[in-house]
Amino acid sequence: MTAAPDDWSHYALYADRLRVQGPDHLATVTTLWALLHGGLTDLPAPEGAGTTVGEPSDLPDGVGPEDVHLEGDHDELLSELLVAAVEFQERQVALHGPDAPETLRATLCLAHGLAAANQYEGQRDDALVLAQDAREGIDDWAVRSPETVGPRDQEVARILHHWILDRLGEDPTH
């Protein structure tokens, strides 16, 4: 992903699908999957990282295999999406640092994947923290350096933040 998100394959379509169809819609999730896999193909793996995309990562502390639940019509897609989102976000951090616009966009994708998959208790809470942090970071960049992020980035951040709040039964007020 370049500094200009319009150059990132599928990003504009992903943003449009979020706005029109919503984060839950299968077409939106499929577009996010394509966006992540396209980005992973374009990005070099960090030095020392494995070359295989899609290997499962360790579970969070306190979550055992018995706590993971995958059920539903699209559980395989959501599982693959989540693995790709983690890998993509890690690569962006390695390439650009944790607070760069590219990383913040990747963090939003990870938050979307976490909340959509909802594989273990508290996963949506984790997604909310990521979405809030990424949204604040994007808003900061919009003020500090408006050429690095645009209204589309802020819209994606707002939509995902509000959607995750709604999923948690909280009122999205901002």
Protein backbone atom coordinates (compact mmCIF):
# COMPACT_ATOMS: atom_id res chain seq x y z
CA MET A 1 0.00 0.00 0.00
CA THR A 2 1.34 3.38 -0.92
CA ALA A 3 0.91 6.59 1.01
CA ALA A 4 -1.95 7.42 -1.38
CA PRO A 5 -4.71 4.90 -0.58
CA ASP A 6 -6.40 5.48 -3.94
CA ASP A 7 -3.48 3.59 -5.46
CA TRP A 8 -4.10 0.60 -3.17
CA SER A 9 -5.97 -2.03 -5.14
CA HIS A 10 -9.57 -2.50 -3.96
CA TYR A 11 -9.41 0.27 -1.28
CA ALA A 12 -11.92 2.58 -2.95
CA LEU A 13 -14.28 -0.34 -3.60
CA TYR A 14 -13.89 -1.49 0.00
CA ALA A 15 -14.74 1.99 1.29
CA ASP A 16 -17.78 2.19 -1.01
CA ARG A 17 -19.00 -1.23 0.09
CA LEU A 18 -18.60 -0.27 3.75
CA ARG A 19 -20.67 2.85 3.18
CA VAL A 20 -23.39 1.29 1.01
CA GLN A 21 -23.60 -2.36 2.07
CA GLY A 22 -22.06 -2.25 5.53
CA PRO A 23 -19.24 -4.17 7.21
CA ASP A 24 -21.32 -7.35 7.65
CA HIS A 25 -22.20 -7.80 3.99
CA LEU A 26 -20.51 -10.74 2.29
CA ALA A 27 -19.42 -8.59 -0.66
CA THR A 28 -17.71 -6.15 1.73
CA VAL A 29 -15.92 -8.96 3.56
CA THR A 30 -14.88 -10.55 0.25
CA THR A 31 -13.54 -7.20 -0.96
CA LEU A 32 -11.55 -6.82 2.27
CA TRP A 33 -10.14 -10.32 1.73
CA ALA A 34 -9.07 -9.36 -1.82
CA LEU A 35 -7.61 -6.08 -0.55
CA LEU A 36 -5.52 -7.85 2.08
CA HIS A 37 -4.29 -10.61 -0.18
CA GLY A 38 -3.41 -8.10 -2.90
CA GLY A 39 -1.51 -6.05 -0.34
CA LEU A 40 0.31 -9.11 0.97
CA THR A 41 1.37 -10.03 -2.53
CA ASP A 42 2.74 -6.52 -3.11
CA LEU A 43 4.55 -6.20 0.22
CA PRO A 44 7.79 -7.94 1.07
CA ALA A 45 7.72 -10.07 4.19
CA PRO A 46 9.72 -8.59 7.07
CA GLU A 47 13.17 -10.07 7.51
CA GLY A 48 12.98 -13.30 9.47
CA ALA A 49 9.27 -13.80 8.77
CA GLY A 50 7.97 -16.97 7.20
CA THR A 51 7.13 -16.90 3.53
CA THR A 52 3.77 -18.62 3.86
CA VAL A 53 0.74 -16.40 4.21
CA GLY A 54 -2.10 -17.97 6.10
CA GLU A 55 -0.38 -19.84 8.89
CA PRO A 56 -2.37 -19.63 12.13
CA SER A 57 -0.93 -17.42 14.81
CA ASP A 58 -0.87 -17.98 18.56
CA LEU A 59 -4.08 -17.38 20.45
CA PRO A 60 -4.24 -14.41 22.81
CA ASP A 61 -3.28 -14.99 26.44
CA GLY A 62 -6.07 -16.73 28.32
CA VAL A 63 -7.74 -18.11 25.18
CA GLY A 64 -7.39 -21.83 24.64
CA PRO A 65 -8.41 -23.88 21.60
CA GLU A 66 -11.63 -24.85 23.39
CA ASP A 67 -12.61 -21.16 23.55
CA VAL A 68 -12.42 -20.64 19.79
CA HIS A 69 -15.72 -20.86 18.00
CA LEU A 70 -16.08 -20.90 14.25
CA GLU A 71 -19.58 -21.42 13.09
CA GLY A 72 -21.75 -20.05 10.39
CA ASP A 73 -21.94 -19.98 6.65
CA HIS A 74 -18.69 -18.13 6.05
CA ASP A 75 -16.45 -19.29 8.88
CA GLU A 76 -13.62 -20.40 6.58
CA LEU A 77 -13.59 -17.06 4.75
CA LEU A 78 -13.58 -15.15 8.06
CA SER A 79 -10.78 -17.29 9.43
CA GLU A 80 -8.67 -16.71 6.30
CA LEU A 81 -9.54 -13.01 6.43
CA LEU A 82 -8.35 -12.73 10.00
CA VAL A 83 -5.05 -14.50 9.32
CA ALA A 84 -4.42 -12.22 6.33
CA ALA A 85 -5.37 -9.10 8.34
CA VAL A 86 -2.91 -9.97 11.11
CA GLU A 87 -0.12 -10.66 8.61
CA PHE A 88 -0.85 -7.48 6.65
CA GLN A 89 -0.92 -5.29 9.73
CA GLU A 90 2.35 -6.81 11.00
CA ARG A 91 4.03 -6.11 7.66
CA GLN A 92 2.83 -2.51 7.67
CA VAL A 93 4.20 -2.00 11.18
CA ALA A 94 7.54 -3.50 10.12
CA LEU A 95 7.72 -1.30 7.00
CA HIS A 96 6.31 1.99 8.25
CA GLY A 97 6.15 1.92 12.04
CA PRO A 98 3.09 1.69 14.29
CA ASP A 99 1.68 5.18 13.74
CA ALA A 100 2.04 5.66 9.98
CA PRO A 101 -1.10 6.17 7.87
CA GLU A 102 -0.43 2.89 6.04
CA THR A 103 -0.32 1.04 9.34
CA LEU A 104 -3.44 2.77 10.63
CA ARG A 105 -5.35 1.65 7.52
CA ALA A 106 -4.08 -1.89 8.05
CA THR A 107 -5.13 -1.70 11.70
CA LEU A 108 -8.65 -0.78 10.63
CA CYS A 109 -8.68 -3.83 8.35
CA LEU A 110 -7.53 -5.95 11.29
CA ALA A 111 -10.26 -4.48 13.51
CA HIS A 112 -12.84 -5.29 10.82
CA GLY A 113 -11.54 -8.85 10.54
CA LEU A 114 -11.52 -9.39 14.30
CA ALA A 115 -15.04 -8.06 14.78
CA ALA A 116 -16.44 -9.96 11.79
CA ALA A 117 -14.85 -13.29 12.75
CA ASN A 118 -15.67 -12.94 16.46
CA GLN A 119 -13.93 -16.26 17.14
CA TYR A 120 -13.47 -15.93 20.90
CA GLU A 121 -14.89 -14.07 23.88
CA GLY A 122 -13.62 -10.50 23.96
CA GLN A 123 -12.48 -10.42 20.33
CA ARG A 124 -14.85 -7.59 19.49
CA ASP A 125 -13.57 -5.67 22.51
CA ASP A 126 -10.05 -6.04 21.07
CA ALA A 127 -11.36 -4.88 17.69
CA LEU A 128 -12.89 -1.82 19.31
CA VAL A 129 -9.59 -0.78 20.89
CA LEU A 130 -7.83 -1.14 17.53
CA ALA A 131 -10.56 0.76 15.68
CA GLN A 132 -10.57 3.61 18.21
CA ASP A 133 -6.79 3.95 18.15
CA ALA A 134 -6.64 3.83 14.35
CA ARG A 135 -9.48 6.34 14.03
CA GLU A 136 -7.77 8.78 16.39
CA GLY A 137 -4.49 8.33 14.51
CA ILE A 138 -6.12 8.96 11.14
CA ASP A 139 -7.89 12.04 12.50
CA ASP A 140 -4.56 13.32 13.83
CA TRP A 141 -2.89 12.76 10.45
CA ALA A 142 -5.78 14.56 8.72
CA VAL A 143 -5.04 17.66 10.80
CA ARG A 144 -1.23 17.41 10.78
CA SER A 145 -0.64 16.26 7.25
CA PRO A 146 -3.85 16.19 5.23
CA GLU A 147 -2.11 14.98 2.08
CA THR A 148 -1.37 11.62 3.77
CA VAL A 149 -4.95 10.70 4.61
CA GLY A 150 -8.21 11.76 3.09
CA PRO A 151 -11.90 11.90 3.80
CA ARG A 152 -12.23 8.30 2.61
CA ASP A 153 -9.84 7.15 5.36
CA GLN A 154 -11.79 9.06 7.98
CA GLU A 155 -15.07 7.65 6.66
CA VAL A 156 -13.76 4.06 6.78
CA ALA A 157 -12.51 4.62 10.33
CA ARG A 158 -15.83 6.13 11.46
CA ILE A 159 -17.94 3.39 9.85
CA LEU A 160 -15.90 0.57 11.36
CA HIS A 161 -15.70 2.23 14.77
CA HIS A 162 -19.47 2.76 14.90
CA TRP A 163 -20.20 -0.74 13.59
CA ILE A 164 -18.04 -2.38 16.27
CA LEU A 165 -19.64 -0.21 18.96
CA ASP A 166 -23.05 -1.28 17.68
CA ARG A 167 -21.97 -4.96 17.73
CA LEU A 168 -21.00 -4.53 21.38
CA GLY A 169 -24.37 -2.96 22.17
CA GLU A 170 -22.89 0.48 22.74
CA ASP A 171 -24.21 3.71 21.29
CA PRO A 172 -21.93 5.22 18.63
CA THR A 173 -22.22 8.90 19.49
CA HIS A 174 -19.24 10.38 17.60
